[in-house]
Amino acid sequence: DCTYREQRPKPFCIVCMPPRATRALSSQALASCFDAIIFDKDGTLLDFSATWDRAINSAITMTAGADGVLQKAVADAIGFDLAACTTVTDAPVIHRSNIELEALLSPLIDGRQFLRTVSDRVLETVTVAPHATDVLEALRDAGIPTAVATNDDESSCRAQLQTLNWLANPPLIAAFFACDSGHGSKPDPGMLLAAAASLNVAPERCAMVGDAAGDLRAARSAGFGGAILVGPPAKVGQHAHLADYWIHGLDGLLRQPGQV
């Protein structure tokens, strides 16, 4: 489903993009309103809990050992519920950059090593969000280039996209930018502007799709033509006031705005 809300350069990695094609998408589809679409990664293209929860829990155990007090301190710092083995709503580990997370953890543990452990473990559990691959394939076939803008780091992002075979030739993702790519992190607009430039599309002809306030604020700051919130009301409804469009699933990009 889709809800419409009234609207108001140095790339890190560019994979050879397919030539623009005659668009197979309906001209009424939301995606057809734009010449390029930039996606958040975690919680948008990837199912966050299925991908990250086990890896985070494992890294906490490995880092803190049997020290229950330290385990809880680490979990509290990043917003992880040890009893439920899942992240809490809008936790720092969901939306903050790896650079920020390392700083949060440094008073307690070696934050950098913790994040490396999580990144290694997550390759065993990386899970695509519903409809993500189908939507990316439809956009590629329609000649609408896509990129990823993530607060993860470059090496972790690349490894996950490669695991999913999304960087194959022809790629489903033409470029990706991370918190350590040299363009800042969301909600600052730098990585979105870099993504638009890498795709050779003006910012006002781009849309940003994400599940977090930082994604939508970054889109506004970058002058993007659309800030698209994705996710069900229970998870993302608190961010709806920041969005131009709200789709409950990624397949909403292939539908007319307002169409169920």
Protein backbone atom coordinates (compact mmCIF):
# COMPACT_ATOMS: atom_id res chain seq x y z
CA ASP A 1 0.00 0.00 0.00
CA CYS A 2 1.08 3.55 -0.58
CA THR A 3 0.17 6.84 1.04
CA TYR A 4 0.95 10.11 -0.72
CA ARG A 5 2.08 13.09 1.30
CA GLU A 6 2.06 16.52 -0.34
CA GLN A 7 5.52 17.52 -1.48
CA ARG A 8 6.99 20.62 -0.52
CA PRO A 9 31.34 13.56 -6.01
CA LYS A 10 33.37 11.19 -5.72
CA PRO A 11 31.65 7.80 -5.79
CA PHE A 12 33.17 4.95 -3.81
CA CYS A 13 32.01 2.13 -6.02
CA ILE A 14 30.44 2.33 -9.43
CA VAL A 15 29.62 -0.91 -11.16
CA CYS A 16 28.96 -0.78 -14.90
CA MET A 17 25.33 0.21 -15.33
CA PRO A 18 23.08 -1.20 -18.04
CA PRO A 19 21.96 1.26 -20.71
CA ARG A 20 18.68 3.08 -20.22
CA ALA A 21 15.85 0.92 -21.44
CA THR A 22 12.31 1.56 -22.53
CA ARG A 23 10.51 1.52 -19.20
CA ALA A 24 8.45 -1.58 -18.65
CA LEU A 25 6.94 -0.03 -15.52
CA SER A 26 3.52 1.51 -15.64
CA SER A 27 3.76 5.25 -16.15
CA GLN A 28 1.51 5.48 -13.08
CA ALA A 29 3.96 3.61 -10.82
CA LEU A 30 5.55 5.64 -8.04
CA ALA A 31 9.05 4.70 -9.26
CA SER A 32 8.25 6.18 -12.68
CA CYS A 33 8.12 9.64 -11.10
CA PHE A 34 11.92 9.58 -10.75
CA ASP A 35 15.03 9.05 -12.87
CA ALA A 36 17.02 7.31 -10.11
CA ILE A 37 16.27 5.77 -6.72
CA ILE A 38 18.63 5.65 -3.75
CA PHE A 39 17.95 3.05 -1.08
CA ASP A 40 18.87 2.75 2.56
CA LYS A 41 20.20 -0.75 3.22
CA ASP A 42 19.30 -2.04 6.69
CA GLY A 43 15.60 -2.10 7.40
CA THR A 44 14.85 -1.18 3.78
CA LEU A 45 16.52 -3.56 1.32
CA LEU A 46 17.46 -5.96 4.12
CA ASP A 47 15.26 -7.34 6.90
CA PHE A 48 17.04 -5.79 9.87
CA SER A 49 16.12 -8.27 12.61
CA ALA A 50 16.66 -11.39 10.53
CA THR A 51 19.98 -10.06 9.27
CA TRP A 52 21.50 -8.47 12.37
CA ASP A 53 19.98 -9.75 15.65
CA ARG A 54 21.87 -13.04 15.88
CA ALA A 55 25.13 -11.42 14.77
CA ILE A 56 24.83 -8.64 17.37
CA ASN A 57 23.96 -11.08 20.16
CA SER A 58 26.90 -13.29 19.24
CA ALA A 59 29.31 -10.34 19.17
CA ILE A 60 28.15 -9.16 22.61
CA THR A 61 28.77 -12.64 24.05
CA MET A 62 32.16 -12.93 22.38
CA THR A 63 33.25 -9.46 23.47
CA ALA A 64 31.97 -9.43 27.05
CA GLY A 65 32.41 -13.11 27.77
CA ALA A 66 30.62 -14.30 30.89
CA ASP A 67 30.52 -10.80 32.41
CA GLY A 68 26.78 -10.20 32.61
CA VAL A 69 27.18 -6.61 33.75
CA LEU A 70 29.39 -5.78 30.78
CA GLN A 71 27.07 -7.61 28.40
CA LYS A 72 24.16 -5.47 29.59
CA ALA A 73 26.17 -2.26 29.40
CA VAL A 74 27.16 -2.98 25.80
CA ALA A 75 23.61 -3.96 24.88
CA ASP A 76 22.14 -0.85 26.50
CA ALA A 77 24.62 1.40 24.72
CA ILE A 78 23.56 0.20 21.27
CA GLY A 79 19.88 -0.45 22.00
CA PHE A 80 19.77 -4.24 22.09
CA ASP A 81 17.40 -6.29 24.27
CA LEU A 82 19.41 -9.28 25.45
CA ALA A 83 16.41 -11.13 26.87
CA ALA A 84 14.45 -10.87 23.62
CA CYS A 85 17.58 -11.09 21.45
CA THR A 86 16.48 -8.18 19.30
CA THR A 87 17.02 -4.46 18.84
CA VAL A 88 14.70 -1.94 20.46
CA THR A 89 12.72 0.59 18.41
CA ASP A 90 14.91 3.30 16.85
CA ALA A 91 18.00 1.89 18.59
CA PRO A 92 21.39 3.52 17.93
CA VAL A 93 22.59 0.29 16.31
CA ILE A 94 19.81 0.60 13.74
CA HIS A 95 20.24 4.18 12.62
CA ARG A 96 23.58 5.58 13.74
CA SER A 97 26.73 5.27 11.66
CA ASN A 98 29.42 2.74 12.51
CA ILE A 99 31.71 5.67 13.33
CA GLU A 100 29.20 6.88 15.94
CA LEU A 101 28.66 3.36 17.29
CA GLU A 102 32.38 2.86 17.75
CA ALA A 103 32.51 6.06 19.81
CA LEU A 104 29.52 4.94 21.89
CA LEU A 105 31.18 1.63 22.72
CA SER A 106 34.74 2.79 23.26
CA PRO A 107 34.33 3.53 27.00
CA LEU A 108 33.24 -0.10 27.48
CA ILE A 109 35.02 -2.30 24.93
CA ASP A 110 37.05 -2.18 21.73
CA GLY A 111 34.25 -0.76 19.60
CA ARG A 112 36.01 -1.27 16.30
CA GLN A 113 36.64 -4.96 16.99
CA PHE A 114 33.04 -5.41 18.10
CA LEU A 115 31.75 -3.98 14.82
CA ARG A 116 34.15 -6.15 12.82
CA THR A 117 32.85 -9.22 14.64
CA VAL A 118 29.27 -8.25 13.89
CA SER A 119 30.10 -7.63 10.21
CA ASP A 120 31.77 -11.03 9.89
CA ARG A 121 28.91 -12.86 11.57
CA VAL A 122 26.17 -11.09 9.61
CA LEU A 123 27.24 -12.66 6.32
CA GLU A 124 25.80 -15.91 7.67
CA THR A 125 22.37 -14.36 8.22
CA VAL A 126 21.98 -11.57 5.63
CA THR A 127 18.30 -11.62 4.69
CA VAL A 128 16.57 -9.74 1.87
CA ALA A 129 13.47 -7.70 2.74
CA PRO A 130 10.24 -8.84 1.08
CA HIS A 131 10.05 -7.85 -2.62
CA ALA A 132 13.53 -6.25 -2.58
CA THR A 133 15.11 -8.36 -5.33
CA ASP A 134 11.99 -8.23 -7.52
CA VAL A 135 11.79 -4.45 -7.19
CA LEU A 136 15.49 -3.96 -7.96
CA GLU A 137 15.17 -6.19 -11.01
CA ALA A 138 12.11 -4.26 -12.22
CA LEU A 139 13.92 -0.94 -11.80
CA ARG A 140 17.02 -2.20 -13.59
CA ASP A 141 14.95 -3.57 -16.47
CA ALA A 142 13.07 -0.26 -16.70
CA GLY A 143 16.33 1.69 -16.95
CA ILE A 144 15.96 3.39 -13.56
CA PRO A 145 19.42 3.22 -11.91
CA THR A 146 19.72 2.54 -8.19
CA ALA A 147 22.29 3.07 -5.46
CA VAL A 148 22.62 2.40 -1.75
CA ALA A 149 23.34 5.02 0.92
CA THR A 150 24.06 3.36 4.27
CA ASN A 151 25.47 4.27 7.67
CA ASP A 152 27.24 0.90 7.65
CA ASP A 153 30.86 0.91 6.48
CA GLU A 154 32.11 0.24 2.95
CA SER A 155 33.66 -3.17 3.46
CA SER A 156 30.65 -4.54 5.32
CA CYS A 157 28.21 -3.13 2.76
CA ARG A 158 30.17 -4.52 -0.16
CA ALA A 159 30.40 -7.97 1.42
CA GLN A 160 26.65 -8.10 2.03
CA LEU A 161 25.74 -6.95 -1.47
CA GLN A 162 28.17 -9.46 -2.95
CA THR A 163 26.71 -12.24 -0.81
CA LEU A 164 23.30 -11.42 -2.32
CA ASN A 165 24.80 -11.30 -5.84
CA TRP A 166 23.45 -7.77 -6.28
CA LEU A 167 26.75 -6.49 -7.69
CA ALA A 168 26.89 -9.03 -10.51
CA ASN A 169 26.94 -7.94 -14.14
CA PRO A 170 24.42 -6.54 -14.93
CA PRO A 171 24.15 -5.26 -11.35
CA LEU A 172 21.01 -4.63 -9.36
CA ILE A 173 22.85 -1.90 -7.43
CA ALA A 174 24.95 0.45 -9.56
CA ALA A 175 26.78 2.21 -6.71
CA PHE A 176 26.96 2.30 -2.93
CA PHE A 177 28.11 4.83 -0.37
CA ALA A 178 28.79 4.32 3.34
CA CYS A 179 29.69 6.32 6.43
CA ASP A 180 33.41 6.00 5.67
CA SER A 181 33.20 6.79 1.94
CA GLY A 182 34.20 10.40 2.55
CA HIS A 183 30.77 12.02 2.21
CA GLY A 184 29.60 11.98 5.82
CA SER A 185 26.71 9.95 7.20
CA LYS A 186 22.95 10.35 7.21
CA PRO A 187 21.07 12.55 8.05
CA ASP A 188 23.70 14.78 6.38
CA PRO A 189 23.08 14.87 2.60
CA GLY A 190 26.63 14.18 1.38
CA MET A 191 26.34 10.50 0.50
CA LEU A 192 22.98 11.05 -1.22
CA LEU A 193 24.44 13.82 -3.38
CA ALA A 194 27.42 11.58 -4.18
CA ALA A 195 25.06 8.78 -5.15
CA ALA A 196 23.05 11.06 -7.44
CA ALA A 197 26.24 12.32 -9.08
CA SER A 198 27.54 8.78 -9.60
CA LEU A 199 24.32 7.92 -11.44
CA ASN A 200 24.51 11.17 -13.45
CA VAL A 201 21.04 12.21 -12.27
CA ALA A 202 20.12 15.61 -10.83
CA PRO A 203 19.11 15.44 -7.14
CA GLU A 204 15.64 16.80 -7.88
CA ARG A 205 15.05 13.80 -10.16
CA CYS A 206 16.06 11.29 -7.45
CA ALA A 207 14.09 9.63 -4.67
CA MET A 208 15.42 8.30 -1.37
CA VAL A 209 13.74 5.20 0.09
CA GLY A 210 14.28 4.39 3.75
CA ASP A 211 12.74 3.40 7.06
CA ALA A 212 14.30 6.04 9.31
CA ALA A 213 13.99 9.73 10.03
CA GLY A 214 17.64 10.17 9.00
CA ASP A 215 16.90 8.84 5.51
CA LEU A 216 14.05 11.28 5.00
CA ARG A 217 15.91 14.25 6.46
CA ALA A 218 18.91 13.48 4.26
CA ALA A 219 16.64 13.43 1.21
CA ARG A 220 15.21 16.84 2.12
CA SER A 221 18.65 18.33 2.73
CA ALA A 222 19.94 16.92 -0.57
CA GLY A 223 17.08 18.48 -2.51
CA PHE A 224 15.78 15.12 -3.68
CA GLY A 225 12.51 15.01 -5.55
CA GLY A 226 11.04 12.43 -3.20
CA ALA A 227 11.50 11.24 0.38
CA ILE A 228 9.84 7.81 0.52
CA LEU A 229 9.20 6.09 3.85
CA VAL A 230 8.89 2.30 3.75
CA GLY A 231 7.51 0.03 6.44
CA PRO A 232 4.36 -0.80 8.41
CA PRO A 233 2.77 1.76 10.75
CA ALA A 234 3.86 -0.02 13.92
CA LYS A 235 7.52 0.25 12.93
CA VAL A 236 7.85 3.51 11.03
CA GLY A 237 4.66 5.48 11.56
CA GLN A 238 6.42 7.97 13.83
CA HIS A 239 8.41 9.20 10.80
CA ALA A 240 5.46 9.68 8.44
CA HIS A 241 5.38 13.47 8.86
CA LEU A 242 8.82 13.67 7.22
CA ALA A 243 7.82 11.74 4.08
CA ASP A 244 6.48 12.75 0.69
CA TYR A 245 5.25 9.20 0.19
CA TRP A 246 4.72 6.29 2.56
CA ILE A 247 4.73 2.74 1.19
CA HIS A 248 4.15 -0.20 3.49
CA GLY A 249 6.39 -2.49 1.43
CA LEU A 250 8.96 -2.07 -1.34
CA ASP A 251 6.47 -3.32 -3.91
CA GLY A 252 4.69 -0.01 -3.39
CA LEU A 253 7.30 1.51 -5.69
CA LEU A 254 5.77 -0.43 -8.56
CA ARG A 255 2.24 0.79 -7.84
CA GLN A 256 0.38 4.02 -8.36
CA PRO A 257 0.56 6.32 -5.32
CA GLY A 258 -2.50 5.62 -3.18
CA GLN A 259 -3.06 2.18 -4.77
CA VAL A 260 -3.48 -0.80 -2.43
